[in-house]
N, C-alpha and C. Protein backbone atom coordinates (compact mmCIF):
# COMPACT_ATOMS: atom_id res chain seq x y z
N GLN A 1 15.47 79.84 58.54
CA GLN A 1 16.65 79.13 59.02
C GLN A 1 17.81 79.56 58.19
N VAL A 2 19.01 79.64 58.83
CA VAL A 2 20.24 79.93 58.13
C VAL A 2 21.38 78.95 58.47
N GLN A 3 22.06 78.48 57.57
CA GLN A 3 23.21 77.42 57.80
C GLN A 3 24.46 78.20 57.46
N LEU A 4 25.41 78.03 58.41
CA LEU A 4 26.78 78.68 58.17
C LEU A 4 27.77 77.61 58.06
N VAL A 5 28.68 77.76 57.06
CA VAL A 5 29.73 76.79 56.97
C VAL A 5 31.06 77.43 56.96
N GLU A 6 31.92 77.05 57.90
CA GLU A 6 33.30 77.65 57.94
C GLU A 6 34.28 76.85 57.29
N SER A 7 35.38 77.47 56.82
CA SER A 7 36.46 76.70 56.31
C SER A 7 37.68 77.47 56.37
N GLY A 8 38.90 76.84 56.22
CA GLY A 8 40.14 77.57 56.30
C GLY A 8 40.98 77.44 57.53
N GLY A 9 40.43 76.81 58.48
CA GLY A 9 41.20 76.50 59.69
C GLY A 9 42.35 75.42 59.37
N GLY A 10 43.23 75.34 60.38
CA GLY A 10 44.24 74.38 60.23
C GLY A 10 45.40 74.58 61.23
N TRP A 11 46.50 74.02 60.95
CA TRP A 11 47.67 74.14 61.76
C TRP A 11 48.68 75.13 61.14
N VAL A 12 49.33 75.96 61.90
CA VAL A 12 50.22 76.99 61.41
C VAL A 12 51.26 77.29 62.43
N GLN A 13 52.53 77.54 62.02
CA GLN A 13 53.56 77.95 62.95
C GLN A 13 53.31 79.36 63.38
N ALA A 14 53.72 79.71 64.61
CA ALA A 14 53.73 80.99 65.10
C ALA A 14 54.30 82.00 64.05
N GLY A 15 53.63 83.18 63.86
CA GLY A 15 54.08 84.15 62.81
C GLY A 15 53.43 83.99 61.48
N GLY A 16 52.75 82.84 61.30
CA GLY A 16 52.13 82.44 59.99
C GLY A 16 50.78 83.05 59.92
N SER A 17 50.15 82.79 58.79
CA SER A 17 48.87 83.42 58.45
C SER A 17 47.79 82.28 58.14
N LEU A 18 46.56 82.58 58.27
CA LEU A 18 45.44 81.75 57.85
C LEU A 18 44.33 82.74 57.45
N ARG A 19 43.47 82.18 56.59
CA ARG A 19 42.37 82.92 56.06
C ARG A 19 41.21 82.05 56.29
N LEU A 20 40.14 82.49 57.08
CA LEU A 20 38.98 81.78 57.32
C LEU A 20 37.83 82.27 56.48
N SER A 21 37.01 81.30 56.03
CA SER A 21 35.80 81.76 55.17
C SER A 21 34.58 81.25 55.86
N CYS A 22 33.48 81.98 55.63
CA CYS A 22 32.24 81.50 56.14
C CYS A 22 31.17 81.91 55.10
N ALA A 23 30.38 80.86 54.75
CA ALA A 23 29.30 81.04 53.73
C ALA A 23 27.92 80.73 54.38
N ALA A 24 27.00 81.58 54.25
CA ALA A 24 25.70 81.40 54.78
C ALA A 24 24.78 81.09 53.65
N SER A 25 23.77 80.22 54.02
CA SER A 25 22.65 79.86 53.12
C SER A 25 21.37 79.69 53.89
N GLY A 26 20.27 79.77 53.08
CA GLY A 26 19.02 79.66 53.82
C GLY A 26 18.17 80.87 53.59
N SER A 27 17.42 81.26 54.53
CA SER A 27 16.40 82.30 54.52
C SER A 27 17.05 83.55 55.07
N PHE A 28 17.28 84.67 54.31
CA PHE A 28 17.80 85.82 54.74
C PHE A 28 16.67 86.83 54.93
N PHE A 29 16.78 87.49 56.07
CA PHE A 29 15.90 88.56 56.21
C PHE A 29 16.62 89.98 56.26
N ILE A 30 16.54 90.65 57.30
CA ILE A 30 17.26 91.93 57.42
C ILE A 30 18.64 91.56 58.12
N LEU A 31 19.67 91.50 57.22
CA LEU A 31 20.93 91.01 57.75
C LEU A 31 21.66 92.17 58.55
N ASN A 32 22.13 91.84 59.61
CA ASN A 32 22.75 92.99 60.51
C ASN A 32 24.30 92.57 60.42
N ASP A 33 24.91 92.12 61.55
CA ASP A 33 26.26 91.83 61.60
C ASP A 33 26.63 90.41 61.29
N MET A 34 27.75 90.26 60.82
CA MET A 34 28.41 88.96 60.65
C MET A 34 29.79 89.10 61.43
N GLY A 35 30.19 87.96 62.03
CA GLY A 35 31.46 88.12 62.75
C GLY A 35 32.09 86.72 63.07
N TRP A 36 33.26 86.78 63.73
CA TRP A 36 34.04 85.66 64.08
C TRP A 36 34.27 85.66 65.55
N TYR A 37 34.08 84.57 66.18
CA TYR A 37 34.29 84.23 67.61
C TYR A 37 35.22 83.11 67.80
N ARG A 38 35.85 82.97 68.82
CA ARG A 38 36.79 81.88 69.10
C ARG A 38 36.58 81.36 70.46
N GLN A 39 36.95 80.13 70.69
CA GLN A 39 36.79 79.48 71.95
C GLN A 39 38.01 78.60 72.17
N ALA A 40 38.89 79.11 73.12
CA ALA A 40 40.09 78.28 73.43
C ALA A 40 39.71 77.30 74.49
N PRO A 41 40.51 76.21 74.57
CA PRO A 41 40.24 75.13 75.50
C PRO A 41 40.15 75.72 76.95
N GLY A 42 39.00 75.37 77.58
CA GLY A 42 38.80 75.78 78.90
C GLY A 42 38.42 77.17 79.14
N LYS A 43 38.20 77.88 78.07
CA LYS A 43 37.66 79.29 78.15
C LYS A 43 36.25 79.42 77.40
N GLN A 44 35.79 80.56 77.85
CA GLN A 44 34.51 80.95 77.12
C GLN A 44 34.75 81.47 75.79
N ARG A 45 33.66 81.43 74.96
CA ARG A 45 33.73 81.99 73.66
C ARG A 45 33.85 83.53 73.67
N GLU A 46 34.76 84.03 72.81
CA GLU A 46 35.05 85.32 72.89
C GLU A 46 35.06 85.96 71.43
N LEU A 47 34.61 87.28 71.37
CA LEU A 47 34.57 87.98 70.12
C LEU A 47 35.97 88.21 69.53
N VAL A 48 36.12 87.93 68.32
CA VAL A 48 37.33 88.31 67.53
C VAL A 48 37.20 89.55 66.72
N ALA A 49 36.06 89.49 65.85
CA ALA A 49 35.81 90.58 65.01
C ALA A 49 34.41 90.56 64.35
N THR A 50 33.86 91.69 64.23
CA THR A 50 32.48 91.72 63.55
C THR A 50 32.53 92.74 62.49
N ILE A 51 31.55 92.65 61.58
CA ILE A 51 31.42 93.60 60.39
C ILE A 51 29.94 93.86 60.27
N SER A 52 29.54 95.06 60.17
CA SER A 52 28.05 95.30 60.03
C SER A 52 27.70 95.30 58.55
N ASN A 53 26.43 95.33 58.25
CA ASN A 53 25.91 95.27 56.89
C ASN A 53 26.50 96.49 56.09
N GLY A 54 26.74 97.59 56.88
CA GLY A 54 27.32 98.72 56.21
C GLY A 54 28.77 98.73 56.15
N GLY A 55 29.40 97.73 56.55
CA GLY A 55 30.87 97.65 56.43
C GLY A 55 31.63 98.06 57.70
N ILE A 56 30.95 98.43 58.67
CA ILE A 56 31.71 99.00 59.91
C ILE A 56 32.23 97.78 60.65
N THR A 57 33.56 97.84 60.91
CA THR A 57 34.19 96.77 61.60
C THR A 57 34.48 97.03 63.05
N ASN A 58 34.62 95.89 63.84
CA ASN A 58 35.00 96.00 65.16
C ASN A 58 35.82 94.85 65.52
N TYR A 59 36.99 95.04 66.32
CA TYR A 59 37.94 94.07 66.61
C TYR A 59 38.12 93.91 68.17
N ALA A 60 38.42 92.70 68.59
CA ALA A 60 39.06 92.64 69.96
C ALA A 60 40.30 93.16 69.97
N ASP A 61 40.77 93.71 71.10
CA ASP A 61 42.03 94.27 71.20
C ASP A 61 43.14 93.32 70.73
N SER A 62 42.99 92.04 71.00
CA SER A 62 44.10 91.11 70.69
C SER A 62 44.17 90.91 69.08
N ALA A 63 43.11 91.34 68.42
CA ALA A 63 43.01 91.05 66.97
C ALA A 63 43.44 92.32 66.15
N LYS A 64 43.43 93.46 66.81
CA LYS A 64 43.71 94.70 66.11
C LYS A 64 45.06 94.74 65.57
N GLY A 65 45.22 95.14 64.30
CA GLY A 65 46.51 95.20 63.68
C GLY A 65 46.95 93.91 62.97
N ARG A 66 46.32 92.82 63.33
CA ARG A 66 46.77 91.56 62.89
C ARG A 66 45.67 90.92 62.04
N PHE A 67 44.47 91.01 62.40
CA PHE A 67 43.37 90.40 61.72
C PHE A 67 42.49 91.45 60.91
N THR A 68 41.99 90.94 59.78
CA THR A 68 41.16 91.86 58.99
C THR A 68 39.89 90.98 58.63
N ILE A 69 38.77 91.57 58.90
CA ILE A 69 37.42 90.91 58.59
C ILE A 69 36.87 91.63 57.40
N SER A 70 36.24 90.89 56.53
CA SER A 70 35.68 91.48 55.36
C SER A 70 34.50 90.66 54.83
N ARG A 71 33.66 91.26 54.18
CA ARG A 71 32.51 90.60 53.56
C ARG A 71 32.74 90.28 52.17
N GLY A 72 32.23 89.10 51.64
CA GLY A 72 32.31 88.73 50.28
C GLY A 72 31.23 89.33 49.39
N ASN A 73 31.37 89.10 48.03
CA ASN A 73 30.39 89.72 47.21
C ASN A 73 29.08 89.03 47.27
N ASN A 74 29.08 87.76 47.73
CA ASN A 74 27.81 87.06 47.90
C ASN A 74 27.21 87.40 49.35
N ARG A 75 25.99 87.61 49.37
CA ARG A 75 25.36 87.95 50.66
C ARG A 75 25.56 86.75 51.64
N GLY A 76 25.93 87.10 52.86
CA GLY A 76 26.13 86.11 53.76
C GLY A 76 27.54 85.44 53.79
N THR A 77 28.45 86.07 53.17
CA THR A 77 29.80 85.57 53.05
C THR A 77 30.78 86.52 53.81
N VAL A 78 31.62 85.88 54.71
CA VAL A 78 32.49 86.80 55.53
C VAL A 78 33.83 86.05 55.52
N TYR A 79 34.88 86.78 55.61
CA TYR A 79 36.32 86.23 55.59
C TYR A 79 37.05 86.90 56.92
N LEU A 80 37.92 86.09 57.39
CA LEU A 80 38.87 86.68 58.46
C LEU A 80 40.35 86.25 58.05
N GLN A 81 41.02 87.36 57.72
CA GLN A 81 42.46 87.21 57.37
C GLN A 81 43.23 87.32 58.65
N MET A 82 44.03 86.38 59.11
CA MET A 82 44.81 86.39 60.31
C MET A 82 46.25 86.27 60.02
N ASN A 83 47.01 87.36 60.47
CA ASN A 83 48.39 87.31 60.37
C ASN A 83 49.04 87.47 61.60
N SER A 84 50.39 87.03 61.54
CA SER A 84 51.12 87.19 62.77
C SER A 84 50.57 86.35 63.93
N LEU A 85 50.15 85.15 63.54
CA LEU A 85 49.47 84.27 64.63
C LEU A 85 50.46 83.88 65.59
N ASN A 86 49.95 83.77 66.82
CA ASN A 86 50.68 83.27 67.96
C ASN A 86 49.89 82.18 68.66
N SER A 87 50.46 81.54 69.59
CA SER A 87 49.78 80.39 70.27
C SER A 87 48.56 80.77 71.02
N GLU A 88 48.33 81.96 71.46
CA GLU A 88 47.10 82.38 72.10
C GLU A 88 45.97 82.53 71.12
N ASP A 89 46.23 82.43 69.87
CA ASP A 89 45.09 82.53 68.83
C ASP A 89 44.55 80.98 68.61
N THR A 90 45.13 80.13 69.18
CA THR A 90 44.68 78.68 69.10
C THR A 90 43.22 78.59 69.69
N GLY A 91 42.46 77.91 68.96
CA GLY A 91 41.02 77.64 69.42
C GLY A 91 40.09 77.32 68.20
N VAL A 92 38.84 77.12 68.56
CA VAL A 92 37.82 76.87 67.63
C VAL A 92 37.18 78.22 67.15
N TYR A 93 37.23 78.47 65.98
CA TYR A 93 36.65 79.78 65.49
C TYR A 93 35.27 79.52 64.85
N PHE A 94 34.29 80.25 65.37
CA PHE A 94 32.95 80.22 64.99
C PHE A 94 32.49 81.40 64.12
N CYS A 95 31.74 81.20 63.09
CA CYS A 95 31.20 82.25 62.35
C CYS A 95 29.80 82.49 62.93
N ASN A 96 29.37 83.74 63.01
CA ASN A 96 28.15 84.21 63.43
C ASN A 96 27.45 85.20 62.51
N LEU A 97 26.10 85.05 62.43
CA LEU A 97 25.35 85.93 61.64
C LEU A 97 24.15 86.31 62.46
N ASN A 98 23.89 87.65 62.47
CA ASN A 98 22.81 88.11 63.19
C ASN A 98 21.91 88.86 62.27
N GLN A 99 20.67 88.50 62.28
CA GLN A 99 19.60 89.11 61.40
C GLN A 99 18.39 89.31 62.05
N THR A 100 17.59 90.33 61.61
CA THR A 100 16.30 90.60 62.19
C THR A 100 15.23 89.90 61.48
N GLU A 101 14.51 89.10 62.23
CA GLU A 101 13.43 88.20 61.68
C GLU A 101 12.16 88.59 62.37
N TRP A 102 11.22 89.09 61.60
CA TRP A 102 9.93 89.52 62.13
C TRP A 102 10.05 90.47 63.35
N ARG A 103 11.12 91.45 63.06
CA ARG A 103 11.31 92.50 64.07
C ARG A 103 12.16 92.01 65.35
N LEU A 104 12.57 90.75 65.34
CA LEU A 104 13.34 90.21 66.48
C LEU A 104 14.77 89.85 66.02
N PRO A 105 15.81 90.18 66.67
CA PRO A 105 17.20 89.82 66.30
C PRO A 105 17.35 88.24 66.60
N ARG A 106 17.99 87.64 65.69
CA ARG A 106 18.31 86.23 65.92
C ARG A 106 19.77 85.92 65.43
N ASP A 107 20.51 85.09 66.27
CA ASP A 107 21.89 84.70 65.98
C ASP A 107 21.82 83.34 65.42
N TYR A 108 22.78 83.16 64.47
CA TYR A 108 23.05 81.80 63.90
C TYR A 108 24.53 81.52 64.05
N TRP A 109 24.91 80.28 64.26
CA TRP A 109 26.33 79.91 64.41
C TRP A 109 26.65 78.78 63.53
N GLY A 110 28.00 78.84 63.07
CA GLY A 110 28.51 77.68 62.34
C GLY A 110 29.04 76.67 63.38
N GLN A 111 29.41 75.64 62.84
CA GLN A 111 29.97 74.42 63.68
C GLN A 111 31.38 74.72 64.17
N GLY A 112 32.06 75.61 63.64
CA GLY A 112 33.40 75.92 64.01
C GLY A 112 34.45 75.27 63.16
N THR A 113 35.59 76.00 63.16
CA THR A 113 36.80 75.46 62.47
C THR A 113 37.99 75.61 63.43
N GLN A 114 38.80 74.59 63.48
CA GLN A 114 39.92 74.62 64.42
C GLN A 114 41.10 75.27 63.89
N VAL A 115 41.71 76.13 64.71
CA VAL A 115 42.98 76.90 64.31
C VAL A 115 43.95 76.49 65.47
N THR A 116 45.09 76.03 65.05
CA THR A 116 46.05 75.55 66.00
C THR A 116 47.42 76.29 65.61
N VAL A 117 47.95 77.05 66.44
CA VAL A 117 49.20 77.82 66.20
C VAL A 117 50.27 77.13 67.08
N SER A 118 51.39 76.66 66.47
CA SER A 118 52.36 76.04 67.13
C SER A 118 53.56 77.04 67.37
N SER A 119 54.01 77.17 68.51
CA SER A 119 55.06 78.05 68.89
C SER A 119 56.41 77.36 68.75
């Protein structure tokens, strides 16, 4: 079992910045990707950015050029630097960890952190 704890959400004016952090604890196996997803009110959860164990990053088109995902020095730590925020970035941001356990992939999710961008 893995537990994920997010922090860093909050309220910001349009054009501002926030940095989200996620720390994982528990039983690590073969760590694959970590990432950030968000869910806006009335919408489905969507990918924001992911980073592989080897450091390869992937961004949603809406995040490219504005957001940067990175891994921390501690295993299971990931950050999301968000710049030039706009109202469409408002939502609950969830940290995700994917690892291979006994040859099967398994996803873990944090409880989410609210990001509100005021225009």
